[in-house]
Every structure is written in C-alpha cells, then in structure tokens.
Amino acid sequence: MTDPELAPDRSQRAGLWPLIRTERAALAADLADLSDEQWASPSLCSGLTVREVLAHLTAGARLNAVRWLAGVIRCRFDFDKQVAMRLAEQLGATPTETLERFRYVVPSTTKPPLPAVAMLGETIVHAEDIRRPLGIHRDYPIDTVTQVAEYYRGSDLVVVAKGRIGGLKLLAVDGPFATGSGPLVSGTSLALVMAMTGRATYCDDLEGDGVELLRRRCGT
C-alpha cells in the first residue's frame, strides 16, 4: 500500500519532480559513508548539524498542505517552531535512521503549499548546506541550477533572495543566468544561488564590485 503522505499528485509527475528526485538521490548517495563525527558537523544553516538539515529535507518531503496548516495552527503561527517540530519528527534515533528516512522520501511529490521549483531550490540549497562543510563536491546540471536561480531572483518566499540582490547585477560565468543592474557580481550559477539565499561563504567564490555588498546582505 502506498504511504498517503508520499502519494504522487498526478499533475506534478512531469517537469521539475524528476530533477528533485535526482538531486535527493545524489545527496543520499554522497552521505552513505559518513562518520558519526561528520553527521554532527555544523552545516551552513545556523545552529543545525548536517544530520539535522537532512531531517529538515525529509520533513519537507512529507508535509502536505493540510499537515502544514495543522502544524502552523498547532505552533500558533510560529513558523520557526513548526520547522523545528517537523525536523524532530524525522531525525530518528541514529544517523543511519536519519538517512534511511531521507532515502524513503526520494520519490515523494508531497510538498507544503509552495511551487515545485521552491522544493527544487530547497533541495539544492540545503544539499550544499551539507556538502560544503564536508568538502563534498557535486557537478549540478547547469539547466537545473539555472531554473533555481531564475526562481530566487524574483522571490522572497520562504527565503529572502529578491530583496538581497536588489541594485546588483548578477552574471553566471557557466550558464545563461543574468539579472539586475548595478555593481557586478559574477561567478558560477551555484555560487550565485547560494549567495542569493544568504550563504556568505559562497561570496568567496564570486567576483565583482558588488560582492562585498552582497556579503553584508547575507548577514541580514
């Protein structure tokens, strides 16, 4: 019997979901042989370990609109509290269990009331929150990262990105992404996405007169 939380929405089978599944599967493979020390390493998400960020990704893949709204009400509209509650639900007793729970949701098309591209963005950004501190590199398909960059440049939903890059010109050196006007910030599409979503460490991978302004904005 299909788990109702993971039951596919037939209208969402095409398009972005194969990309999301690919990125989830790649992340699960990269984490297969981590030590307990690595699982406990700080991620790029402030206050969260590598293991906790993975549990957060699992939670997002099991949280449909009804459960999301129920959690919002239960947490009295404290969205950070709901994130912490859902993360705890999916953490498991050991890192092995945390990873197994994530593997289980790799094919899921369940999501909160967000566009599918936001789920793709969450998957890539949080995967880098995990990979970067562990020194794990992935060559993401440029078309996939470009779609995420295009989404974030026009959105402040969930994470402030549009507001963070206001008055700056962003230019990818490895793909077609370009946006804005003003002092230049150039680099890989991935580095631009991560800086747009507030990860200051990726500003080290960028060049141009606007980098330091973007770095400062990553702290807000």
N, C-alpha and C. Protein backbone atom coordinates (compact mmCIF):
# COMPACT_ATOMS: atom_id res chain seq x y z
N MET A 1 0.85 -1.20 0.00
CA MET A 1 0.00 0.00 0.00
C MET A 1 0.88 1.25 0.00
N THR A 2 0.52 2.23 -0.79
CA THR A 2 1.28 3.48 -0.86
C THR A 2 1.05 4.33 0.38
N ASP A 3 2.14 4.83 0.94
CA ASP A 3 2.04 5.74 2.07
C ASP A 3 1.28 6.98 1.60
N PRO A 4 0.15 7.35 2.25
CA PRO A 4 -0.63 8.50 1.78
C PRO A 4 0.15 9.79 1.80
N GLU A 5 1.16 9.89 2.68
CA GLU A 5 1.95 11.12 2.73
C GLU A 5 2.84 11.26 1.50
N LEU A 6 3.12 10.12 0.84
CA LEU A 6 4.02 10.15 -0.31
C LEU A 6 3.29 9.88 -1.61
N ALA A 7 1.96 9.81 -1.54
CA ALA A 7 1.18 9.52 -2.75
C ALA A 7 1.40 10.61 -3.78
N PRO A 8 1.72 10.23 -5.03
CA PRO A 8 2.04 11.24 -6.04
C PRO A 8 0.82 12.02 -6.49
N ASP A 9 0.98 13.28 -6.69
CA ASP A 9 -0.01 14.12 -7.33
C ASP A 9 0.21 13.97 -8.83
N ARG A 10 -0.77 13.39 -9.55
CA ARG A 10 -0.57 13.08 -10.96
C ARG A 10 -0.27 14.32 -11.80
N SER A 11 -0.74 15.46 -11.33
CA SER A 11 -0.49 16.70 -12.09
C SER A 11 0.94 17.18 -11.93
N GLN A 12 1.69 16.56 -11.01
CA GLN A 12 3.05 17.03 -10.72
C GLN A 12 4.12 16.03 -11.11
N ARG A 13 3.73 14.96 -11.82
CA ARG A 13 4.71 13.93 -12.14
C ARG A 13 5.75 14.40 -13.13
N ALA A 14 5.37 15.29 -14.01
CA ALA A 14 6.29 15.76 -15.04
C ALA A 14 7.02 17.01 -14.56
N GLY A 15 7.88 17.52 -15.42
CA GLY A 15 8.51 18.80 -15.13
C GLY A 15 9.62 18.72 -14.12
N LEU A 16 9.44 19.38 -13.00
CA LEU A 16 10.51 19.56 -12.03
C LEU A 16 10.74 18.36 -11.12
N TRP A 17 9.75 17.52 -10.95
CA TRP A 17 9.90 16.44 -9.96
C TRP A 17 11.00 15.45 -10.30
N PRO A 18 11.22 15.09 -11.55
CA PRO A 18 12.38 14.23 -11.84
C PRO A 18 13.71 14.88 -11.42
N LEU A 19 13.80 16.20 -11.56
CA LEU A 19 15.02 16.90 -11.13
C LEU A 19 15.17 16.84 -9.62
N ILE A 20 14.08 17.00 -8.91
CA ILE A 20 14.11 16.93 -7.45
C ILE A 20 14.53 15.54 -7.00
N ARG A 21 13.96 14.53 -7.62
CA ARG A 21 14.31 13.16 -7.26
C ARG A 21 15.79 12.88 -7.53
N THR A 22 16.29 13.38 -8.64
CA THR A 22 17.71 13.19 -8.98
C THR A 22 18.60 13.80 -7.92
N GLU A 23 18.27 15.02 -7.50
CA GLU A 23 19.12 15.69 -6.51
C GLU A 23 19.02 15.02 -5.14
N ARG A 24 17.85 14.56 -4.77
CA ARG A 24 17.71 13.83 -3.50
C ARG A 24 18.54 12.55 -3.52
N ALA A 25 18.43 11.81 -4.61
CA ALA A 25 19.17 10.55 -4.72
C ALA A 25 20.68 10.78 -4.69
N ALA A 26 21.13 11.83 -5.36
CA ALA A 26 22.56 12.14 -5.37
C ALA A 26 23.05 12.50 -3.97
N LEU A 27 22.24 13.24 -3.23
CA LEU A 27 22.63 13.61 -1.87
C LEU A 27 22.68 12.37 -0.98
N ALA A 28 21.68 11.51 -1.07
CA ALA A 28 21.68 10.29 -0.27
C ALA A 28 22.92 9.46 -0.55
N ALA A 29 23.31 9.36 -1.81
CA ALA A 29 24.50 8.59 -2.16
C ALA A 29 25.76 9.22 -1.57
N ASP A 30 25.84 10.53 -1.60
CA ASP A 30 27.01 11.23 -1.06
C ASP A 30 27.17 11.04 0.44
N LEU A 31 26.07 10.78 1.14
CA LEU A 31 26.10 10.71 2.60
C LEU A 31 26.15 9.28 3.13
N ALA A 32 26.28 8.33 2.24
CA ALA A 32 26.17 6.92 2.63
C ALA A 32 27.24 6.47 3.62
N ASP A 33 28.42 7.05 3.55
CA ASP A 33 29.53 6.55 4.37
C ASP A 33 30.05 7.57 5.37
N LEU A 34 29.21 8.49 5.80
CA LEU A 34 29.66 9.49 6.77
C LEU A 34 29.94 8.86 8.14
N SER A 35 30.92 9.42 8.82
CA SER A 35 31.20 9.02 10.20
C SER A 35 30.25 9.75 11.14
N ASP A 36 30.17 9.29 12.37
CA ASP A 36 29.34 9.97 13.37
C ASP A 36 29.79 11.42 13.55
N GLU A 37 31.10 11.63 13.48
CA GLU A 37 31.63 12.99 13.62
C GLU A 37 31.17 13.88 12.48
N GLN A 38 31.17 13.35 11.27
CA GLN A 38 30.70 14.14 10.13
C GLN A 38 29.21 14.45 10.24
N TRP A 39 28.42 13.48 10.68
CA TRP A 39 26.99 13.74 10.85
C TRP A 39 26.73 14.86 11.84
N ALA A 40 27.60 14.99 12.81
CA ALA A 40 27.43 16.00 13.85
C ALA A 40 28.07 17.34 13.49
N SER A 41 28.67 17.43 12.30
CA SER A 41 29.34 18.67 11.89
C SER A 41 28.33 19.79 11.71
N PRO A 42 28.74 21.03 12.02
CA PRO A 42 27.85 22.17 11.74
C PRO A 42 27.62 22.30 10.24
N SER A 43 26.39 22.54 9.87
CA SER A 43 26.05 22.81 8.47
C SER A 43 26.16 24.31 8.22
N LEU A 44 25.82 24.74 7.02
CA LEU A 44 25.77 26.17 6.74
C LEU A 44 24.48 26.81 7.26
N CYS A 45 23.53 25.99 7.70
CA CYS A 45 22.33 26.52 8.36
C CYS A 45 22.66 26.78 9.82
N SER A 46 22.59 28.02 10.22
CA SER A 46 23.00 28.40 11.56
C SER A 46 22.29 27.58 12.63
N GLY A 47 23.09 26.95 13.50
CA GLY A 47 22.55 26.20 14.61
C GLY A 47 22.15 24.77 14.30
N LEU A 48 22.27 24.34 13.03
CA LEU A 48 21.86 22.99 12.65
C LEU A 48 23.06 22.17 12.21
N THR A 49 23.07 20.90 12.61
CA THR A 49 24.10 19.99 12.13
C THR A 49 23.75 19.46 10.76
N VAL A 50 24.71 18.79 10.15
CA VAL A 50 24.48 18.12 8.87
C VAL A 50 23.29 17.18 8.97
N ARG A 51 23.26 16.39 10.03
CA ARG A 51 22.17 15.43 10.22
C ARG A 51 20.82 16.13 10.35
N GLU A 52 20.78 17.24 11.05
CA GLU A 52 19.51 17.95 11.25
C GLU A 52 19.01 18.58 9.96
N VAL A 53 19.91 19.07 9.12
CA VAL A 53 19.48 19.62 7.84
C VAL A 53 18.87 18.53 6.97
N LEU A 54 19.47 17.33 7.00
CA LEU A 54 18.90 16.24 6.21
C LEU A 54 17.50 15.88 6.72
N ALA A 55 17.31 15.87 8.03
CA ALA A 55 15.99 15.60 8.60
C ALA A 55 15.00 16.68 8.18
N HIS A 56 15.46 17.92 8.07
CA HIS A 56 14.60 19.01 7.61
C HIS A 56 14.14 18.76 6.18
N LEU A 57 15.05 18.29 5.32
CA LEU A 57 14.67 17.97 3.95
C LEU A 57 13.65 16.83 3.91
N THR A 58 13.83 15.84 4.77
CA THR A 58 12.85 14.75 4.85
C THR A 58 11.49 15.27 5.26
N ALA A 59 11.48 16.14 6.24
CA ALA A 59 10.21 16.70 6.72
C ALA A 59 9.47 17.43 5.61
N GLY A 60 10.19 18.19 4.81
CA GLY A 60 9.56 18.93 3.72
C GLY A 60 8.93 18.03 2.68
N ALA A 61 9.51 16.85 2.51
CA ALA A 61 9.01 15.90 1.52
C ALA A 61 7.85 15.06 2.05
N ARG A 62 7.48 15.26 3.31
CA ARG A 62 6.35 14.52 3.89
C ARG A 62 5.23 15.46 4.33
N LEU A 63 5.41 16.73 4.08
CA LEU A 63 4.49 17.73 4.64
C LEU A 63 3.59 18.28 3.54
N ASN A 64 2.35 17.77 3.48
CA ASN A 64 1.41 18.31 2.51
C ASN A 64 0.73 19.56 3.06
N ALA A 65 -0.11 20.17 2.26
CA ALA A 65 -0.71 21.45 2.65
C ALA A 65 -1.55 21.32 3.92
N VAL A 66 -2.28 20.20 4.05
CA VAL A 66 -3.14 20.02 5.22
C VAL A 66 -2.30 19.90 6.49
N ARG A 67 -1.26 19.07 6.45
CA ARG A 67 -0.40 18.90 7.63
C ARG A 67 0.36 20.19 7.93
N TRP A 68 0.76 20.91 6.87
CA TRP A 68 1.45 22.18 7.08
C TRP A 68 0.56 23.15 7.83
N LEU A 69 -0.69 23.30 7.39
CA LEU A 69 -1.61 24.22 8.05
C LEU A 69 -1.90 23.78 9.47
N ALA A 70 -2.07 22.47 9.68
CA ALA A 70 -2.32 21.97 11.03
C ALA A 70 -1.15 22.29 11.95
N GLY A 71 0.07 22.17 11.42
CA GLY A 71 1.25 22.49 12.22
C GLY A 71 1.35 23.97 12.52
N VAL A 72 1.01 24.80 11.54
CA VAL A 72 1.02 26.25 11.76
C VAL A 72 0.08 26.63 12.90
N ILE A 73 -1.11 26.04 12.88
CA ILE A 73 -2.09 26.33 13.93
C ILE A 73 -1.60 25.79 15.28
N ARG A 74 -1.08 24.58 15.26
CA ARG A 74 -0.57 23.97 16.50
C ARG A 74 0.55 24.81 17.10
N CYS A 75 1.39 25.39 16.25
CA CYS A 75 2.52 26.19 16.73
C CYS A 75 2.17 27.67 16.85
N ARG A 76 0.87 27.97 16.77
CA ARG A 76 0.38 29.34 16.95
C ARG A 76 1.05 30.31 15.97
N PHE A 77 1.18 29.87 14.73
CA PHE A 77 1.72 30.69 13.63
C PHE A 77 3.18 31.07 13.84
N ASP A 78 3.88 30.31 14.67
CA ASP A 78 5.32 30.45 14.82
C ASP A 78 5.97 29.49 13.82
N PHE A 79 6.35 30.01 12.65
CA PHE A 79 6.82 29.16 11.57
C PHE A 79 8.15 28.49 11.92
N ASP A 80 9.02 29.19 12.63
CA ASP A 80 10.28 28.58 13.04
C ASP A 80 10.04 27.41 13.99
N LYS A 81 9.04 27.55 14.86
CA LYS A 81 8.72 26.47 15.78
C LYS A 81 8.22 25.24 15.01
N GLN A 82 7.42 25.48 13.97
CA GLN A 82 6.94 24.35 13.19
C GLN A 82 8.10 23.65 12.47
N VAL A 83 9.02 24.42 11.92
CA VAL A 83 10.18 23.82 11.26
C VAL A 83 10.94 22.92 12.24
N ALA A 84 11.16 23.41 13.45
CA ALA A 84 11.88 22.63 14.45
C ALA A 84 11.09 21.38 14.84
N MET A 85 9.78 21.51 14.96
CA MET A 85 8.94 20.37 15.32
C MET A 85 8.99 19.29 14.25
N ARG A 86 8.85 19.68 12.98
CA ARG A 86 8.86 18.71 11.90
C ARG A 86 10.23 18.07 11.74
N LEU A 87 11.29 18.84 11.94
CA LEU A 87 12.65 18.29 11.88
C LEU A 87 12.80 17.19 12.93
N ALA A 88 12.36 17.47 14.15
CA ALA A 88 12.48 16.50 15.24
C ALA A 88 11.72 15.21 14.92
N GLU A 89 10.60 15.35 14.23
CA GLU A 89 9.81 14.17 13.87
C GLU A 89 10.57 13.22 12.94
N GLN A 90 11.46 13.77 12.13
CA GLN A 90 12.13 12.98 11.10
C GLN A 90 13.59 12.67 11.43
N LEU A 91 14.08 13.11 12.58
CA LEU A 91 15.51 12.94 12.89
C LEU A 91 15.88 11.47 13.11
N GLY A 92 15.01 10.72 13.78
CA GLY A 92 15.34 9.34 14.07
C GLY A 92 16.30 9.21 15.23
N ALA A 93 16.55 7.98 15.62
CA ALA A 93 17.38 7.72 16.80
C ALA A 93 18.87 7.73 16.49
N THR A 94 19.23 7.48 15.24
CA THR A 94 20.63 7.40 14.85
C THR A 94 20.81 8.05 13.49
N PRO A 95 22.06 8.39 13.10
CA PRO A 95 22.29 8.91 11.76
C PRO A 95 21.85 7.94 10.67
N THR A 96 22.02 6.65 10.90
CA THR A 96 21.58 5.65 9.92
C THR A 96 20.08 5.76 9.68
N GLU A 97 19.33 5.94 10.75
CA GLU A 97 17.89 6.08 10.61
C GLU A 97 17.54 7.39 9.91
N THR A 98 18.26 8.44 10.22
CA THR A 98 18.02 9.72 9.55
C THR A 98 18.19 9.58 8.05
N LEU A 99 19.24 8.90 7.63
CA LEU A 99 19.50 8.71 6.20
C LEU A 99 18.45 7.81 5.57
N GLU A 100 18.05 6.75 6.28
CA GLU A 100 17.03 5.85 5.74
C GLU A 100 15.71 6.58 5.54
N ARG A 101 15.36 7.44 6.45
CA ARG A 101 14.12 8.21 6.31
C ARG A 101 14.20 9.13 5.10
N PHE A 102 15.37 9.70 4.86
CA PHE A 102 15.52 10.56 3.68
C PHE A 102 15.44 9.74 2.40
N ARG A 103 16.09 8.59 2.38
CA ARG A 103 16.02 7.74 1.19
C ARG A 103 14.57 7.38 0.86
N TYR A 104 13.77 7.17 1.88
CA TYR A 104 12.38 6.77 1.68
C TYR A 104 11.59 7.84 0.94
N VAL A 105 11.94 9.12 1.14
CA VAL A 105 11.17 10.20 0.51
C VAL A 105 11.77 10.67 -0.81
N VAL A 106 12.82 10.04 -1.28
CA VAL A 106 13.42 10.46 -2.55
C VAL A 106 12.38 10.58 -3.67
N PRO A 107 11.44 9.62 -3.83
CA PRO A 107 10.46 9.73 -4.92
C PRO A 107 9.23 10.56 -4.58
N SER A 108 9.16 11.12 -3.39
CA SER A 108 7.95 11.82 -2.96
C SER A 108 7.67 13.07 -3.79
N THR A 109 6.40 13.29 -4.09
CA THR A 109 5.96 14.56 -4.68
C THR A 109 5.07 15.33 -3.71
N THR A 110 5.09 14.93 -2.46
CA THR A 110 4.38 15.68 -1.42
C THR A 110 5.12 16.97 -1.14
N LYS A 111 4.38 18.03 -0.89
CA LYS A 111 5.03 19.31 -0.59
C LYS A 111 4.08 20.22 0.19
N PRO A 112 4.62 21.17 0.93
CA PRO A 112 3.81 22.22 1.53
C PRO A 112 3.22 23.11 0.42
N PRO A 113 2.43 24.12 0.78
CA PRO A 113 1.84 24.99 -0.25
C PRO A 113 2.89 25.93 -0.86
N LEU A 114 3.80 25.33 -1.61
CA LEU A 114 4.87 26.05 -2.31
C LEU A 114 4.93 25.53 -3.75
N PRO A 115 5.44 26.33 -4.68
CA PRO A 115 5.63 25.80 -6.04
C PRO A 115 6.71 24.73 -6.05
N ALA A 116 6.62 23.82 -7.01
CA ALA A 116 7.60 22.74 -7.09
C ALA A 116 9.01 23.27 -7.25
N VAL A 117 9.19 24.39 -7.94
CA VAL A 117 10.53 24.93 -8.11
C VAL A 117 11.13 25.36 -6.77
N ALA A 118 10.28 25.75 -5.82
CA ALA A 118 10.78 26.07 -4.49
C ALA A 118 11.33 24.83 -3.80
N MET A 119 10.69 23.68 -4.05
CA MET A 119 11.19 22.42 -3.49
C MET A 119 12.53 22.04 -4.13
N LEU A 120 12.67 22.30 -5.43
CA LEU A 120 13.95 22.07 -6.08
C LEU A 120 15.02 22.97 -5.47
N GLY A 121 14.67 24.24 -5.26
CA GLY A 121 15.61 25.16 -4.64
C GLY A 121 16.01 24.72 -3.25
N GLU A 122 15.02 24.32 -2.44
CA GLU A 122 15.31 23.84 -1.08
C GLU A 122 16.25 22.64 -1.13
N THR A 123 16.02 21.74 -2.07
CA THR A 123 16.84 20.54 -2.16
C THR A 123 18.29 20.88 -2.48
N ILE A 124 18.50 21.76 -3.45
CA ILE A 124 19.87 22.10 -3.84
C ILE A 124 20.55 22.95 -2.77
N VAL A 125 19.87 23.95 -2.26
CA VAL A 125 20.48 24.83 -1.28
C VAL A 125 20.84 24.06 -0.01
N HIS A 126 19.91 23.25 0.49
CA HIS A 126 20.22 22.51 1.71
C HIS A 126 21.23 21.39 1.46
N ALA A 127 21.25 20.85 0.25
CA ALA A 127 22.30 19.88 -0.07
C ALA A 127 23.67 20.53 0.02
N GLU A 128 23.78 21.76 -0.46
CA GLU A 128 25.05 22.48 -0.35
C GLU A 128 25.34 22.89 1.10
N ASP A 129 24.29 23.17 1.88
CA ASP A 129 24.49 23.43 3.31
C ASP A 129 25.17 22.25 3.98
N ILE A 130 24.92 21.07 3.45
CA ILE A 130 25.52 19.84 3.96
C ILE A 130 26.87 19.56 3.30
N ARG A 131 26.91 19.63 1.98
CA ARG A 131 28.11 19.22 1.26
C ARG A 131 29.30 20.13 1.52
N ARG A 132 29.08 21.43 1.50
CA ARG A 132 30.21 22.37 1.59
C ARG A 132 31.03 22.16 2.86
N PRO A 133 30.42 22.07 4.05
CA PRO A 133 31.23 21.86 5.25
C PRO A 133 31.95 20.51 5.26
N LEU A 134 31.41 19.54 4.54
CA LEU A 134 32.02 18.21 4.49
C LEU A 134 33.04 18.06 3.38
N GLY A 135 33.20 19.09 2.55
CA GLY A 135 34.15 19.03 1.45
C GLY A 135 33.71 18.13 0.32
N ILE A 136 32.39 17.95 0.16
CA ILE A 136 31.85 17.11 -0.90
C ILE A 136 31.44 18.00 -2.08
N HIS A 137 31.89 17.65 -3.26
CA HIS A 137 31.58 18.45 -4.45
C HIS A 137 30.62 17.70 -5.36
N ARG A 138 29.64 18.42 -5.90
CA ARG A 138 28.75 17.86 -6.91
C ARG A 138 28.71 18.80 -8.10
N ASP A 139 28.81 18.22 -9.29
CA ASP A 139 28.63 18.98 -10.53
C ASP A 139 27.14 18.95 -10.88
N TYR A 140 26.42 19.97 -10.47
CA TYR A 140 24.99 20.03 -10.74
C TYR A 140 24.74 20.32 -12.21
N PRO A 141 23.70 19.73 -12.79
CA PRO A 141 23.34 20.10 -14.16
C PRO A 141 23.05 21.60 -14.25
N ILE A 142 23.66 22.26 -15.20
CA ILE A 142 23.54 23.72 -15.26
C ILE A 142 22.10 24.15 -15.51
N ASP A 143 21.34 23.38 -16.27
CA ASP A 143 19.94 23.74 -16.51
C ASP A 143 19.14 23.72 -15.21
N THR A 144 19.44 22.76 -14.34
CA THR A 144 18.74 22.66 -13.07
C THR A 144 19.05 23.86 -12.19
N VAL A 145 20.32 24.20 -12.07
CA VAL A 145 20.71 25.33 -11.21
C VAL A 145 20.19 26.64 -11.79
N THR A 146 20.16 26.76 -13.10
CA THR A 146 19.64 27.98 -13.73
C THR A 146 18.17 28.17 -13.39
N GLN A 147 17.39 27.11 -13.42
CA GLN A 147 15.97 27.22 -13.05
C GLN A 147 15.81 27.71 -11.62
N VAL A 148 16.65 27.22 -10.74
CA VAL A 148 16.59 27.65 -9.34
C VAL A 148 16.98 29.12 -9.22
N ALA A 149 18.03 29.53 -9.92
CA ALA A 149 18.44 30.93 -9.89
C ALA A 149 17.35 31.85 -10.41
N GLU A 150 16.70 31.44 -11.49
CA GLU A 150 15.62 32.25 -12.06
C GLU A 150 14.47 32.39 -11.06
N TYR A 151 14.19 31.33 -10.33
CA TYR A 151 13.13 31.40 -9.33
C TYR A 151 13.51 32.36 -8.19
N TYR A 152 14.69 32.20 -7.64
CA TYR A 152 15.07 33.00 -6.48
C TYR A 152 15.22 34.48 -6.83
N ARG A 153 15.60 34.80 -8.05
CA ARG A 153 15.80 36.21 -8.38
C ARG A 153 14.51 37.02 -8.29
N GLY A 154 13.37 36.32 -8.38
CA GLY A 154 12.10 37.03 -8.33
C GLY A 154 11.25 36.68 -7.12
N SER A 155 11.87 36.07 -6.10
CA SER A 155 11.06 35.59 -4.98
C SER A 155 11.71 35.89 -3.64
N ASP A 156 10.86 36.28 -2.69
CA ASP A 156 11.26 36.36 -1.29
C ASP A 156 10.43 35.39 -0.45
N LEU A 157 9.84 34.40 -1.12
CA LEU A 157 9.02 33.41 -0.44
C LEU A 157 9.92 32.40 0.26
N VAL A 158 9.68 32.18 1.54
CA VAL A 158 10.44 31.26 2.40
C VAL A 158 11.81 31.84 2.73
N VAL A 159 12.58 32.18 1.70
CA VAL A 159 13.89 32.77 1.93
C VAL A 159 13.99 34.08 1.15
N VAL A 160 14.54 35.10 1.79
CA VAL A 160 14.73 36.38 1.11
C VAL A 160 15.85 36.23 0.08
N ALA A 161 15.55 36.43 -1.17
CA ALA A 161 16.55 36.38 -2.23
C ALA A 161 16.41 37.61 -3.12
N LYS A 162 15.20 37.86 -3.60
CA LYS A 162 14.95 39.02 -4.45
C LYS A 162 15.40 40.31 -3.76
N GLY A 163 15.05 40.47 -2.51
CA GLY A 163 15.43 41.67 -1.79
C GLY A 163 16.92 41.76 -1.54
N ARG A 164 17.57 40.62 -1.41
CA ARG A 164 19.00 40.60 -1.11
C ARG A 164 19.84 41.06 -2.29
N ILE A 165 19.34 40.85 -3.52
CA ILE A 165 20.16 41.17 -4.70
C ILE A 165 19.70 42.46 -5.38
N GLY A 166 18.81 43.21 -4.75
CA GLY A 166 18.35 44.46 -5.32
C GLY A 166 19.50 45.43 -5.58
N GLY A 167 19.51 46.06 -6.75
CA GLY A 167 20.55 47.04 -7.08
C GLY A 167 21.87 46.43 -7.47
N LEU A 168 21.89 45.12 -7.72
CA LEU A 168 23.11 44.44 -8.14
C LEU A 168 22.88 43.75 -9.49
N LYS A 169 23.94 43.61 -10.26
CA LYS A 169 23.89 42.84 -11.49
C LYS A 169 24.57 41.50 -11.24
N LEU A 170 23.82 40.41 -11.40
CA LEU A 170 24.36 39.06 -11.24
C LEU A 170 24.57 38.44 -12.60
N LEU A 171 25.73 37.81 -12.78
CA LEU A 171 26.08 37.22 -14.07
C LEU A 171 26.77 35.88 -13.85
N ALA A 172 26.18 34.83 -14.37
CA ALA A 172 26.78 33.50 -14.28
C ALA A 172 27.87 33.34 -15.33
N VAL A 173 28.97 32.72 -14.93
CA VAL A 173 30.08 32.50 -15.87
C VAL A 173 30.01 31.11 -16.50
N ASP A 174 29.07 30.29 -16.04
CA ASP A 174 29.00 28.92 -16.55
C ASP A 174 27.64 28.58 -17.16
N GLY A 175 26.80 29.58 -17.32
CA GLY A 175 25.46 29.34 -17.85
C GLY A 175 24.80 30.64 -18.24
N PRO A 176 23.53 30.58 -18.61
CA PRO A 176 22.84 31.76 -19.16
C PRO A 176 22.27 32.71 -18.12
N PHE A 177 22.35 32.40 -16.84
CA PHE A 177 21.68 33.24 -15.85
C PHE A 177 22.31 34.62 -15.76
N ALA A 178 21.44 35.63 -15.81
CA ALA A 178 21.86 37.02 -15.62
C ALA A 178 20.64 37.80 -15.17
N THR A 179 20.86 38.75 -14.26
CA THR A 179 19.73 39.54 -13.79
C THR A 179 20.22 40.82 -13.15
N GLY A 180 19.36 41.83 -13.17
CA GLY A 180 19.60 43.05 -12.43
C GLY A 180 20.51 44.04 -13.12
N SER A 181 20.72 45.15 -12.44
CA SER A 181 21.65 46.18 -12.90
C SER A 181 22.29 46.82 -11.68
N GLY A 182 23.52 47.29 -11.87
CA GLY A 182 24.25 47.87 -10.77
C GLY A 182 25.62 47.25 -10.66
N PRO A 183 26.28 47.35 -9.50
CA PRO A 183 27.59 46.73 -9.32
C PRO A 183 27.54 45.23 -9.64
N LEU A 184 28.58 44.76 -10.31
CA LEU A 184 28.60 43.38 -10.82
C LEU A 184 28.95 42.37 -9.74
N VAL A 185 28.24 41.25 -9.79
CA VAL A 185 28.59 40.06 -9.01
C VAL A 185 28.59 38.90 -10.00
N SER A 186 29.74 38.29 -10.22
CA SER A 186 29.82 37.20 -11.19
C SER A 186 30.45 35.97 -10.57
N GLY A 187 30.07 34.82 -11.10
CA GLY A 187 30.60 33.55 -10.61
C GLY A 187 29.75 32.41 -11.14
N THR A 188 29.95 31.24 -10.61
CA THR A 188 29.17 30.09 -11.06
C THR A 188 27.71 30.28 -10.67
N SER A 189 26.85 29.61 -11.41
CA SER A 189 25.42 29.68 -11.12
C SER A 189 25.13 29.20 -9.70
N LEU A 190 25.82 28.15 -9.27
CA LEU A 190 25.61 27.62 -7.93
C LEU A 190 26.02 28.63 -6.87
N ALA A 191 27.18 29.24 -7.03
CA ALA A 191 27.64 30.22 -6.05
C ALA A 191 26.68 31.40 -5.98
N LEU A 192 26.13 31.82 -7.11
CA LEU A 192 25.17 32.91 -7.11
C LEU A 192 23.90 32.51 -6.37
N VAL A 193 23.40 31.30 -6.60
CA VAL A 193 22.20 30.83 -5.90
C VAL A 193 22.45 30.81 -4.39
N MET A 194 23.58 30.30 -3.98
CA MET A 194 23.84 30.17 -2.55
C MET A 194 24.02 31.54 -1.89
N ALA A 195 24.67 32.46 -2.58
CA ALA A 195 24.80 33.81 -2.03
C ALA A 195 23.45 34.53 -2.01
N MET A 196 22.64 34.32 -3.05
CA MET A 196 21.31 34.93 -3.10
C MET A 196 20.46 34.48 -1.91
N THR A 197 20.68 33.26 -1.44
CA THR A 197 19.89 32.72 -0.34
C THR A 197 20.59 32.88 1.01
N GLY A 198 21.62 33.73 1.05
CA GLY A 198 22.18 34.15 2.33
C GLY A 198 23.39 33.39 2.81
N ARG A 199 24.01 32.58 1.98
CA ARG A 199 25.19 31.81 2.40
C ARG A 199 26.45 32.61 2.09
N ALA A 200 26.94 33.34 3.08
CA ALA A 200 28.03 34.29 2.86
C ALA A 200 29.31 33.61 2.40
N THR A 201 29.54 32.37 2.81
CA THR A 201 30.79 31.70 2.44
C THR A 201 30.94 31.57 0.93
N TYR A 202 29.82 31.53 0.20
CA TYR A 202 29.91 31.41 -1.25
C TYR A 202 30.31 32.72 -1.92
N CYS A 203 30.27 33.81 -1.18
CA CYS A 203 30.77 35.08 -1.73
C CYS A 203 32.26 35.00 -2.00
N ASP A 204 32.96 34.08 -1.31
CA ASP A 204 34.38 33.89 -1.58
C ASP A 204 34.62 33.37 -2.99
N ASP A 205 33.58 32.79 -3.60
CA ASP A 205 33.71 32.23 -4.95
C ASP A 205 33.26 33.21 -6.03
N LEU A 206 32.88 34.42 -5.63
CA LEU A 206 32.34 35.40 -6.56
C LEU A 206 33.32 36.54 -6.78
N GLU A 207 33.13 37.25 -7.89
CA GLU A 207 33.97 38.40 -8.23
C GLU A 207 33.10 39.58 -8.62
N GLY A 208 33.67 40.78 -8.51
CA GLY A 208 32.98 41.98 -8.96
C GLY A 208 32.82 43.01 -7.86
N ASP A 209 32.48 44.23 -8.27
CA ASP A 209 32.37 45.34 -7.33
C ASP A 209 31.23 45.19 -6.35
N GLY A 210 30.25 44.33 -6.67
CA GLY A 210 29.09 44.19 -5.79
C GLY A 210 29.20 43.08 -4.78
N VAL A 211 30.31 42.35 -4.78
CA VAL A 211 30.41 41.17 -3.91
C VAL A 211 30.34 41.53 -2.43
N GLU A 212 31.06 42.58 -2.04
CA GLU A 212 31.09 42.90 -0.60
C GLU A 212 29.73 43.37 -0.10
N LEU A 213 28.97 44.09 -0.95
CA LEU A 213 27.63 44.48 -0.56
C LEU A 213 26.75 43.24 -0.39
N LEU A 214 26.87 42.31 -1.33
CA LEU A 214 26.08 41.08 -1.21
C LEU A 214 26.49 40.30 0.03
N ARG A 215 27.77 40.26 0.33
CA ARG A 215 28.25 39.57 1.53
C ARG A 215 27.62 40.17 2.79
N ARG A 216 27.58 41.49 2.85
CA ARG A 216 26.96 42.14 4.02
C ARG A 216 25.48 41.80 4.11
N ARG A 217 24.82 41.75 2.98
CA ARG A 217 23.39 41.43 2.98
C ARG A 217 23.13 39.98 3.39
N CYS A 218 24.11 39.13 3.22
CA CYS A 218 23.95 37.73 3.65
C CYS A 218 23.79 37.63 5.16
N GLY A 219 24.21 38.64 5.86
CA GLY A 219 24.09 38.62 7.32
C GLY A 219 22.78 39.14 7.83
N THR A 220 21.86 39.49 6.92
CA THR A 220 20.57 40.06 7.35
C THR A 220 19.44 39.15 6.90
